[in-house]
C-alpha atoms as a PDB file:
ATOM      1  CA  MET A   1     -30.241  -7.891  -5.656  1.00  0.00           C
ATOM      2  CA  ALA A   2     -29.195 -11.014  -7.490  1.00  0.00           C
ATOM      3  CA  ASN A   3     -27.429  -9.239 -10.075  1.00  0.00           C
ATOM      4  CA  GLN A   4     -25.773  -7.072  -7.607  1.00  0.00           C
ATOM      5  CA  LYS A   5     -24.265 -10.046  -5.979  1.00  0.00           C
ATOM      6  CA  LYS A   6     -23.385 -11.528  -9.232  1.00  0.00           C
ATOM      7  CA  ILE A   7     -21.148  -8.614 -10.035  1.00  0.00           C
ATOM      8  CA  GLN A   8     -19.524  -8.395  -6.652  1.00  0.00           C
ATOM      9  CA  ALA A   9     -18.555 -12.111  -6.522  1.00  0.00           C
ATOM     10  CA  THR A  10     -16.858 -11.551  -9.820  1.00  0.00           C
ATOM     11  CA  THR A  11     -14.774  -8.376  -8.826  1.00  0.00           C
ATOM     12  CA  GLN A  12     -13.948  -9.796  -5.748  1.00  0.00           C
ATOM     13  CA  LYS A  13     -12.056 -13.044  -7.953  1.00  0.00           C
ATOM     14  CA  PHE A  14     -10.607 -10.331  -9.885  1.00  0.00           C
ATOM     15  CA  THR A  15      -8.449  -9.281  -7.053  1.00  0.00           C
ATOM     16  CA  GLU A  16      -7.183 -13.115  -7.081  1.00  0.00           C
ATOM     17  CA  ILE A  17      -6.487 -12.816  -3.071  1.00  0.00           C
ATOM     18  CA  LYS A  18      -7.234 -15.877  -1.453  1.00  0.00           C
ATOM     19  CA  ALA A  19      -6.389 -15.086   1.703  1.00  0.00           C
ATOM     20  CA  ILE A  20      -4.202 -12.878   4.003  1.00  0.00           C
ATOM     21  CA  VAL A  21      -2.619 -14.780   6.997  1.00  0.00           C
ATOM     22  CA  ASP A  22      -0.318 -12.935   9.209  1.00  0.00           C
ATOM     23  CA  ASP A  23       1.963 -11.053   6.977  1.00  0.00           C
ATOM     24  CA  ILE A  24       1.624 -13.232   3.940  1.00  0.00           C
ATOM     25  CA  VAL A  25      -0.599 -12.587   0.905  1.00  0.00           C
ATOM     26  CA  LEU A  26      -1.648 -16.020  -0.696  1.00  0.00           C
ATOM     27  CA  PHE A  27      -3.346 -15.946  -4.245  1.00  0.00           C
ATOM     28  CA  GLN A  28      -5.718 -18.308  -5.981  1.00  0.00           C
ATOM     29  CA  ASN A  29      -2.738 -19.675  -7.915  1.00  0.00           C
ATOM     30  CA  ASP A  30      -0.671 -20.908  -4.735  1.00  0.00           C
ATOM     31  CA  THR A  31       1.905 -17.936  -5.046  1.00  0.00           C
ATOM     32  CA  ALA A  32       2.356 -15.359  -2.390  1.00  0.00           C
ATOM     33  CA  CYS A  33       3.889 -12.320  -1.353  1.00  0.00           C
ATOM     34  CA  LEU A  34       4.681 -10.220   1.519  1.00  0.00           C
ATOM     35  CA  ILE A  35       4.816  -6.404   1.593  1.00  0.00           C
ATOM     36  CA  ILE A  36       7.275  -4.020   3.071  1.00  0.00           C
ATOM     37  CA  GLU A  37       6.294  -0.347   3.703  1.00  0.00           C
ATOM     38  CA  VAL A  38       9.235   2.147   3.482  1.00  0.00           C
ATOM     39  CA  ARG A  39       9.016   5.554   4.833  1.00  0.00           C
ATOM     40  CA  ALA A  40      10.141   7.986   2.114  1.00  0.00           C
ATOM     41  CA  THR A  41      12.994  10.375   2.741  1.00  0.00           C
ATOM     42  CA  ASN A  42      13.466  13.924   1.244  1.00  0.00           C
ATOM     43  CA  PHE A  43      16.581  13.262  -1.275  1.00  0.00           C
ATOM     44  CA  ALA A  44      16.379  16.817  -2.566  1.00  0.00           C
ATOM     45  CA  LEU A  45      17.299  18.179   0.796  1.00  0.00           C
ATOM     46  CA  MET A  46      20.477  16.141   1.201  1.00  0.00           C
ATOM     47  CA  SER A  47      24.115  17.160   0.336  1.00  0.00           C
ATOM     48  CA  LYS A  48      26.112  16.065  -2.595  1.00  0.00           C
ATOM     49  CA  GLN A  49      27.949  13.629  -0.545  1.00  0.00           C
ATOM     50  CA  GLU A  50      24.930  12.243   1.237  1.00  0.00           C
ATOM     51  CA  GLN A  51      22.908  11.954  -2.176  1.00  0.00           C
ATOM     52  CA  ASP A  52      26.099  10.055  -3.330  1.00  0.00           C
ATOM     53  CA  ILE A  53      25.973   7.549  -0.325  1.00  0.00           C
ATOM     54  CA  LYS A  54      22.237   6.853  -1.128  1.00  0.00           C
ATOM     55  CA  ILE A  55      22.498   6.205  -4.762  1.00  0.00           C
ATOM     56  CA  TYR A  56      25.754   3.700  -4.324  1.00  0.00           C
ATOM     57  CA  SER A  57      23.801   1.913  -1.494  1.00  0.00           C
ATOM     58  CA  TYR A  58      20.788   1.466  -3.473  1.00  0.00           C
ATOM     59  CA  ALA A  59      22.852   0.285  -6.303  1.00  0.00           C
ATOM     60  CA  SER A  60      24.689  -2.304  -3.813  1.00  0.00           C
ATOM     61  CA  LEU A  61      21.071  -3.329  -2.745  1.00  0.00           C
ATOM     62  CA  LEU A  62      19.959  -4.208  -6.304  1.00  0.00           C
ATOM     63  CA  ASN A  63      23.201  -5.869  -7.254  1.00  0.00           C
ATOM     64  CA  SER A  64      22.910  -8.281  -4.219  1.00  0.00           C
ATOM     65  CA  LEU A  65      19.786  -9.374  -5.090  1.00  0.00           C
ATOM     66  CA  SER A  66      19.357 -13.005  -5.872  1.00  0.00           C
ATOM     67  CA  PHE A  67      15.528 -12.681  -6.350  1.00  0.00           C
ATOM     68  CA  SER A  68      12.861 -10.907  -8.237  1.00  0.00           C
ATOM     69  CA  LEU A  69      10.737  -7.877  -6.000  1.00  0.00           C
ATOM     70  CA  GLN A  70       8.440  -5.117  -7.041  1.00  0.00           C
ATOM     71  CA  ILE A  71       8.592  -1.369  -5.966  1.00  0.00           C
ATOM     72  CA  TYR A  72       5.129  -0.156  -5.801  1.00  0.00           C
ATOM     73  CA  ILE A  73       4.341   3.541  -5.292  1.00  0.00           C
ATOM     74  CA  HIS A  74       0.608   4.319  -4.398  1.00  0.00           C
ATOM     75  CA  ASN A  75      -0.288   8.236  -4.669  1.00  0.00           C
ATOM     76  CA  LYS A  76      -3.085   8.911  -2.588  1.00  0.00           C
ATOM     77  CA  LYS A  77      -5.059  12.185  -2.687  1.00  0.00           C
ATOM     78  CA  ILE A  78      -4.935  14.108   0.635  1.00  0.00           C
ATOM     79  CA  ASP A  79      -8.384  15.123   2.059  1.00  0.00           C
ATOM     80  CA  ILE A  80      -7.707  18.886   3.739  1.00  0.00           C
ATOM     81  CA  SER A  81     -11.096  19.637   4.534  1.00  0.00           C
ATOM     82  CA  SER A  82     -10.475  18.978   8.205  1.00  0.00           C
ATOM     83  CA  TYR A  83      -7.426  21.160   8.223  1.00  0.00           C
ATOM     84  CA  LEU A  84      -9.120  24.070   6.654  1.00  0.00           C
ATOM     85  CA  GLY A  85     -11.830  23.568   9.411  1.00  0.00           C
ATOM     86  CA  LEU A  86      -9.212  23.804  12.089  1.00  0.00           C
ATOM     87  CA  LEU A  87      -8.260  26.981  10.933  1.00  0.00           C
ATOM     88  CA  ASP A  88     -11.583  28.138  10.589  1.00  0.00           C
ATOM     89  CA  VAL A  89     -12.024  27.592  14.255  1.00  0.00           C
ATOM     90  CA  GLU A  90      -8.544  28.994  15.158  1.00  0.00           C
ATOM     91  CA  ILE A  91      -9.352  32.284  13.261  1.00  0.00           C
ATOM     92  CA  LYS A  92     -12.497  32.748  15.033  1.00  0.00           C
ATOM     93  CA  LYS A  93     -10.642  32.044  18.405  1.00  0.00           C
ATOM     94  CA  THR A  94      -7.860  34.607  17.843  1.00  0.00           C
ATOM     95  CA  GLN A  95      -8.243  38.111  19.102  1.00  0.00           C
ATOM     96  CA  ASN A  96      -5.072  39.546  17.507  1.00  0.00           C
ATOM     97  CA  LYS A  97      -6.399  41.244  14.459  1.00  0.00           C
ATOM     98  CA  LEU A  98      -3.127  41.163  12.646  1.00  0.00           C
ATOM     99  CA  LEU A  99      -2.672  37.571  13.442  1.00  0.00           C
ATOM    100  CA  GLN A 100      -6.175  36.809  12.420  1.00  0.00           C
ATOM    101  CA  ALA A 101      -5.546  38.613   8.979  1.00  0.00           C
ATOM    102  CA  ASN A 102      -2.440  36.603   8.391  1.00  0.00           C
ATOM    103  CA  MET A 103      -4.289  33.054   9.046  1.00  0.00           C
ATOM    104  CA  MET A 104      -7.109  33.945   6.824  1.00  0.00           C
ATOM    105  CA  MET A 105      -4.483  34.630   3.954  1.00  0.00           C
ATOM    106  CA  TYR A 106      -2.946  31.557   4.811  1.00  0.00           C
ATOM    107  CA  ARG A 107      -6.146  29.712   4.699  1.00  0.00           C
ATOM    108  CA  GLN A 108      -6.990  31.166   1.435  1.00  0.00           C
ATOM    109  CA  PHE A 109      -3.366  30.290  -0.012  1.00  0.00           C
ATOM    110  CA  VAL A 110      -3.974  26.672   0.984  1.00  0.00           C
ATOM    111  CA  GLU A 111      -7.429  26.500  -0.132  1.00  0.00           C
ATOM    112  CA  GLN A 112      -6.485  27.845  -3.830  1.00  0.00           C
ATOM    113  CA  LEU A 113      -3.369  25.769  -3.771  1.00  0.00           C
ATOM    114  CA  VAL A 114      -5.390  22.393  -3.442  1.00  0.00           C
ATOM    115  CA  LYS A 115      -7.877  23.839  -6.166  1.00  0.00           C
ATOM    116  CA  VAL A 116      -4.846  24.447  -8.680  1.00  0.00           C
ATOM    117  CA  ASN A 117      -2.826  21.545  -7.588  1.00  0.00           C
ATOM    118  CA  SER A 118      -3.665  18.080  -6.641  1.00  0.00           C
ATOM    119  CA  VAL A 119      -2.174  16.923  -2.965  1.00  0.00           C
ATOM    120  CA  LEU A 120      -0.620  13.709  -2.771  1.00  0.00           C
ATOM    121  CA  ASP A 121       0.777  11.600  -0.248  1.00  0.00           C
ATOM    122  CA  LYS A 122       3.085   9.192  -1.671  1.00  0.00           C
ATOM    123  CA  GLN A 123       3.839   5.891  -0.063  1.00  0.00           C
ATOM    124  CA  PHE A 124       6.139   3.422  -1.052  1.00  0.00           C
ATOM    125  CA  TYR A 125       6.130  -0.531  -0.965  1.00  0.00           C
ATOM    126  CA  VAL A 126       8.420  -3.299  -1.686  1.00  0.00           C
ATOM    127  CA  VAL A 127       6.432  -6.422  -2.738  1.00  0.00           C
ATOM    128  CA  ILE A 128       8.479  -9.823  -2.020  1.00  0.00           C
ATOM    129  CA  SER A 129       6.973 -12.538  -4.227  1.00  0.00           C
ATOM    130  CA  TYR A 130       7.128 -16.300  -3.597  1.00  0.00           C
ATOM    131  CA  ASN A 131       6.230 -19.210  -6.237  1.00  0.00           C
ATOM    132  CA  PRO A 132       6.069 -23.029  -5.267  1.00  0.00           C
ATOM    133  CA  LEU A 133       8.154 -23.294  -8.572  1.00  0.00           C
ATOM    134  CA  GLU A 134      11.303 -22.350  -6.480  1.00  0.00           C
ATOM    135  CA  ARG A 135      11.308 -25.830  -4.732  1.00  0.00           C
ATOM    136  CA  GLY A 136      11.574 -27.410  -8.140  1.00  0.00           C
ATOM    137  CA  ALA A 137       8.890 -28.907 -10.506  1.00  0.00           C
ATOM    138  CA  VAL A 138       8.862 -32.274  -8.729  1.00  0.00           C
ATOM    139  CA  ASN A 139       8.462 -31.270  -5.262  1.00  0.00           C
ATOM    140  CA  THR A 140       6.127 -28.225  -6.234  1.00  0.00           C
ATOM    141  CA  ALA A 141       3.648 -30.997  -7.817  1.00  0.00           C
ATOM    142  CA  THR A 142       4.242 -33.135  -4.601  1.00  0.00           C
ATOM    143  CA  THR A 143       3.504 -30.140  -2.379  1.00  0.00           C
ATOM    144  CA  LEU A 144       0.145 -29.047  -4.132  1.00  0.00           C
ATOM    145  CA  LYS A 145      -0.945 -32.612  -4.535  1.00  0.00           C
ATOM    146  CA  GLY A 146      -0.628 -34.294  -1.022  1.00  0.00           C
ATOM    147  CA  GLN A 147       0.351 -31.185   1.389  1.00  0.00           C
ATOM    148  CA  GLY A 148      -2.429 -29.147   3.043  1.00  0.00           C
ATOM    149  CA  LYS A 149      -2.971 -25.545   3.131  1.00  0.00           C
ATOM    150  CA  GLN A 150      -1.113 -24.994   6.546  1.00  0.00           C
ATOM    151  CA  ASN A 151       2.059 -26.645   4.717  1.00  0.00           C
ATOM    152  CA  VAL A 152       1.808 -24.601   1.936  1.00  0.00           C
ATOM    153  CA  ILE A 153       1.577 -21.195   3.964  1.00  0.00           C
ATOM    154  CA  ASP A 154       4.725 -22.452   6.051  1.00  0.00           C
ATOM    155  CA  GLN A 155       6.758 -22.965   3.213  1.00  0.00           C
ATOM    156  CA  ALA A 156       5.708 -19.459   1.723  1.00  0.00           C
ATOM    157  CA  LYS A 157       6.546 -17.777   5.078  1.00  0.00           C
ATOM    158  CA  ALA A 158      10.010 -19.587   5.331  1.00  0.00           C
ATOM    159  CA  SER A 159      10.657 -18.447   1.908  1.00  0.00           C
ATOM    160  CA  LEU A 160       9.439 -14.945   2.009  1.00  0.00           C
ATOM    161  CA  HIS A 161      10.811 -14.308   5.742  1.00  0.00           C
ATOM    162  CA  SER A 162      14.302 -14.912   4.451  1.00  0.00           C
ATOM    163  CA  LYS A 163      14.047 -12.781   1.706  1.00  0.00           C
ATOM    164  CA  SER A 164      12.568 -10.041   3.670  1.00  0.00           C
ATOM    165  CA  THR A 165      15.021 -10.214   6.431  1.00  0.00           C
ATOM    166  CA  SER A 166      17.945  -9.470   3.537  1.00  0.00           C
ATOM    167  CA  ILE A 167      16.113  -6.409   2.287  1.00  0.00           C
ATOM    168  CA  LEU A 168      15.014  -5.005   5.847  1.00  0.00           C
ATOM    169  CA  ALA A 169      18.689  -5.245   6.858  1.00  0.00           C
ATOM    170  CA  GLN A 170      19.594  -3.289   3.621  1.00  0.00           C
ATOM    171  CA  LEU A 171      17.250  -0.858   3.721  1.00  0.00           C
ATOM    172  CA  ALA A 172      18.207  -0.214   7.546  1.00  0.00           C
ATOM    173  CA  GLN A 173      21.682   0.648   5.825  1.00  0.00           C
ATOM    174  CA  LEU A 174      20.151   3.116   3.628  1.00  0.00           C
ATOM    175  CA  ASN A 175      18.665   4.533   6.636  1.00  0.00           C
ATOM    176  CA  LEU A 176      14.902   3.973   5.376  1.00  0.00           C
ATOM    177  CA  PRO A 177      12.741   3.271   8.123  1.00  0.00           C
ATOM    178  CA  ALA A 178      10.980   0.123   6.920  1.00  0.00           C
ATOM    179  CA  LYS A 179       8.256  -2.460   8.437  1.00  0.00           C
ATOM    180  CA  THR A 180       6.686  -5.401   7.199  1.00  0.00           C
ATOM    181  CA  LEU A 181       3.025  -5.053   6.680  1.00  0.00           C
ATOM    182  CA  MET A 182       0.647  -7.234   8.984  1.00  0.00           C
ATOM    183  CA  ALA A 183      -2.864  -8.717   8.076  1.00  0.00           C
ATOM    184  CA  ASN A 184      -4.626  -5.488   9.374  1.00  0.00           C
ATOM    185  CA  GLU A 185      -2.628  -3.257   7.569  1.00  0.00           C
ATOM    186  CA  LEU A 186      -2.805  -5.263   4.373  1.00  0.00           C
ATOM    187  CA  ILE A 187      -6.389  -5.281   4.531  1.00  0.00           C
ATOM    188  CA  HIS A 188      -6.099  -1.627   4.755  1.00  0.00           C
ATOM    189  CA  LEU A 189      -3.754  -1.341   1.962  1.00  0.00           C
ATOM    190  CA  PHE A 190      -5.843  -3.447  -0.570  1.00  0.00           C
ATOM    191  CA  TYR A 191      -9.027  -1.378   0.439  1.00  0.00           C
ATOM    192  CA  GLY A 192      -7.598   1.911  -0.299  1.00  0.00           C
ATOM    193  CA  ILE A 193      -5.962   0.647  -3.530  1.00  0.00           C
ATOM    194  CA  TYR A 194      -9.560  -0.751  -4.857  1.00  0.00           C
ATOM    195  CA  ASN A 195     -11.616   1.842  -3.280  1.00  0.00           C
ATOM    196  CA  GLU A 196      -9.538   4.859  -3.445  1.00  0.00           C
ATOM    197  CA  ASP A 197     -12.336   7.319  -3.934  1.00  0.00           C
ATOM    198  CA  SER A 198     -15.410   5.645  -2.236  1.00  0.00           C
ATOM    199  CA  ILE A 199     -14.439   3.992   1.130  1.00  0.00           C
ATOM    200  CA  ASP A 200     -13.738   5.295   4.809  1.00  0.00           C
ATOM    201  CA  SER A 201     -10.962   3.447   6.325  1.00  0.00           C
ATOM    202  CA  THR A 202     -12.881   3.625   9.449  1.00  0.00           C
ATOM    203  CA  GLU A 203     -15.071   1.069   8.127  1.00  0.00           C
ATOM    204  CA  LEU A 204     -12.289  -1.541   7.474  1.00  0.00           C
ATOM    205  CA  ILE A 205     -12.281  -4.726   9.682  1.00  0.00           C
ATOM    206  CA  ALA A 206      -9.653  -7.537   9.907  1.00  0.00           C
ATOM    207  CA  ASP A 207     -11.728 -10.145   7.829  1.00  0.00           C
ATOM    208  CA  THR A 208     -10.173 -11.024   4.407  1.00  0.00           C
ATOM    209  CA  ASN A 209     -13.870 -12.372   3.641  1.00  0.00           C
ATOM    210  CA  THR A 210     -15.035  -9.160   3.336  1.00  0.00           C
ATOM    211  CA  PRO A 211     -15.173  -7.873  -0.581  1.00  0.00           C
ATOM    212  CA  ILE A 212     -12.420  -5.900  -1.267  1.00  0.00           C
ATOM    213  CA  VAL A 213     -14.020  -3.966  -3.773  1.00  0.00           C
ATOM    214  CA  ARG A 214     -16.754  -2.567  -2.223  1.00  0.00           C
ATOM    215  CA  SER A 215     -18.563  -0.748  -5.588  1.00  0.00           C
ATOM    216  CA  VAL A 216     -18.932  -1.304  -9.002  1.00  0.00           C
ATOM    217  CA  MET A 217     -20.284   1.024 -12.172  1.00  0.00           C
ATOM    218  CA  PRO A 218     -22.794  -1.132 -13.942  1.00  0.00           C
ATOM    219  CA  LEU A 219     -22.065  -0.860 -17.522  1.00  0.00           C
ATOM    220  CA  GLN A 220     -25.623   0.001 -18.601  1.00  0.00           C
ATOM    221  CA  ASN A 221     -25.237   3.178 -16.458  1.00  0.00           C
ATOM    222  CA  LYS A 222     -22.508   4.430 -18.339  1.00  0.00           C
ATOM    223  CA  LYS A 223     -23.432   7.623 -20.394  1.00  0.00           C
ATOM    224  CA  GLU A 224     -22.883   7.509 -24.322  1.00  0.00           C
ATOM    225  CA  THR A 225     -21.126  10.467 -25.424  1.00  0.00           C
END
């Protein structure tokens, strides 16, 4: 039990997340970030003119940036077992034999499709970062030495909110729905990233003290080949 706690503490430290306050993620090195979730659009279904407008607008967004950002794409496997179960229920309820046969064929098609290809849900995020060095080396040293945690958070918020306002406005011009993730949504996101195959989202709570990494494979259990 003692060894398990030690491993858990080590993996938790690996994430480098110190705290999540409102919509700000604070890291151990006093940097911070804000994450914007962007809803995807089907580019392939647009007309040539619409595609060109999207491309030029996106280029305009990139050229207007005066700060760095990251674009993160999270691929998540979709579990369709509940959907297949729903189809089974509807098939049993259907009295029309022809419709029932078609539904059974459709269910078999979906089941086979999932076996052959992984069905993924793509989620897109814009990550905006903050570094105390933005205020200059002298001001940064004074801040970290003489000011409390709340002042550091306030400075990070002021910088990140100013940047995010600009990004959200330009994403709106691209007709891409976007929103800033708040604390509980950020916790869900990080839990999903670090525990993609082992955690149920219903277990999550709005508590950053709960370990983000839930499961660790002990080195000695790894099979030798």
